[in-house]
Amino acid sequence: MQLQYSEHEVNASDLNNLANEVCKRGLAVPAIFFLELHKPWTTVAFSAASISVPLLVPLFGPKLMRLALHLLSSRDNVEQLIRMIEIRQSEIQVRRS
């Protein structure tokens, strides 16, 4: 099984959906902490995930693997997701006030 990775297959709405789900489940702080903590390892994680694609696609599906590979392909992508989560969390806090 081969999964072709293309930067164009993952768009901003996929990252927005991920940020929304994280915030909806109340995991914004742990997710940001985890992402910040592991940001320096994105290159290693991308290489490991790329090699493990044949094993991981049956477990997680091709869409989620594309999203994970996109996210791990650069630190800027991780930073973008962190910013999206922070924005969603602040919107939720404003609505509660």
Protein backbone atom coordinates (compact mmCIF):
# COMPACT_ATOMS: atom_id res chain seq x y z
CA MET A 1 0.00 0.00 0.00
CA GLN A 2 1.46 3.30 -1.01
CA LEU A 3 0.36 6.72 0.17
CA GLN A 4 1.50 9.56 -2.00
CA TYR A 5 2.11 12.66 0.06
CA SER A 6 1.25 15.95 -1.52
CA GLU A 7 1.18 19.27 0.31
CA HIS A 8 -1.84 20.30 -1.76
CA GLU A 9 -4.00 17.41 -0.52
CA VAL A 10 -4.18 18.91 2.97
CA ASN A 11 -5.81 22.29 3.20
CA ALA A 12 -6.44 24.80 5.95
CA SER A 13 -9.93 23.44 6.61
CA ASP A 14 -8.43 20.10 7.66
CA LEU A 15 -6.21 21.86 10.20
CA ASN A 16 -9.18 23.99 11.30
CA ASN A 17 -11.24 20.85 11.86
CA LEU A 18 -8.43 19.35 13.93
CA ALA A 19 -8.12 22.54 16.00
CA ASN A 20 -11.90 22.62 16.51
CA GLU A 21 -11.99 19.01 17.69
CA VAL A 22 -9.13 19.58 20.12
CA CYS A 23 -10.87 22.61 21.63
CA LYS A 24 -14.32 21.00 21.63
CA ARG A 25 -12.94 18.13 23.71
CA GLY A 26 -11.27 20.52 26.15
CA LEU A 27 -7.74 19.45 25.22
CA ALA A 28 -6.34 22.78 24.06
CA VAL A 29 -3.79 23.21 26.85
CA PRO A 30 -2.47 19.61 26.78
CA ALA A 31 -2.36 19.67 22.95
CA ILE A 32 -0.41 22.93 22.84
CA PHE A 33 1.96 21.65 25.52
CA PHE A 34 2.48 18.39 23.61
CA LEU A 35 3.01 20.14 20.27
CA GLU A 36 5.45 22.69 21.73
CA LEU A 37 7.35 19.94 23.53
CA HIS A 38 7.71 17.79 20.43
CA LYS A 39 8.18 20.54 17.84
CA PRO A 40 11.98 20.02 17.69
CA TRP A 41 11.39 16.36 16.77
CA THR A 42 9.19 16.99 13.74
CA THR A 43 11.90 15.99 11.26
CA VAL A 44 12.50 12.68 13.02
CA ALA A 45 8.78 12.05 13.43
CA PHE A 46 8.15 12.83 9.75
CA SER A 47 10.83 10.34 8.70
CA ALA A 48 9.47 7.67 11.04
CA ALA A 49 5.88 8.24 9.90
CA SER A 50 6.92 8.17 6.23
CA ILE A 51 8.62 4.82 6.70
CA SER A 52 5.72 3.44 8.74
CA VAL A 53 2.95 4.47 6.32
CA PRO A 54 2.17 0.89 5.21
CA LEU A 55 1.61 -0.09 8.83
CA LEU A 56 -0.25 3.01 9.94
CA VAL A 57 -2.68 3.56 7.05
CA PRO A 58 -4.80 0.49 7.87
CA LEU A 59 -5.05 1.66 11.48
CA PHE A 60 -5.73 5.37 10.96
CA GLY A 61 -6.85 5.69 7.33
CA PRO A 62 -5.26 7.59 4.47
CA LYS A 63 -6.86 10.97 5.26
CA LEU A 64 -5.52 11.08 8.81
CA MET A 65 -2.10 9.89 7.64
CA ARG A 66 -1.95 12.66 5.03
CA LEU A 67 -2.83 15.17 7.72
CA ALA A 68 -0.18 13.76 10.08
CA LEU A 69 2.48 13.77 7.37
CA HIS A 70 1.59 17.33 6.43
CA LEU A 71 1.74 18.42 10.04
CA LEU A 72 5.09 16.73 10.64
CA SER A 73 6.66 17.89 7.38
CA SER A 74 7.79 21.21 8.92
CA ARG A 75 7.86 23.07 12.21
CA ASP A 76 5.88 25.87 10.59
CA ASN A 77 2.92 23.53 10.15
CA VAL A 78 3.05 22.61 13.84
CA GLU A 79 3.24 26.30 14.75
CA GLN A 80 0.26 27.02 12.49
CA LEU A 81 -1.81 24.33 14.26
CA ILE A 82 -0.80 25.73 17.65
CA ARG A 83 -1.95 29.21 16.59
CA MET A 84 -5.26 27.80 15.31
CA ILE A 85 -5.86 26.00 18.59
CA GLU A 86 -5.06 29.16 20.56
CA ILE A 87 -7.46 31.21 18.42
CA ARG A 88 -10.28 28.65 18.80
CA GLN A 89 -9.71 28.43 22.54
CA SER A 90 -9.83 32.22 22.94
CA GLU A 91 -13.07 32.33 20.89
CA ILE A 92 -14.59 29.71 23.20
CA GLN A 93 -13.54 31.66 26.29
CA VAL A 94 -15.03 34.89 24.89
CA ARG A 95 -18.35 33.14 24.22
CA ARG A 96 -18.43 31.82 27.80
CA SER A 97 -17.87 35.29 29.25
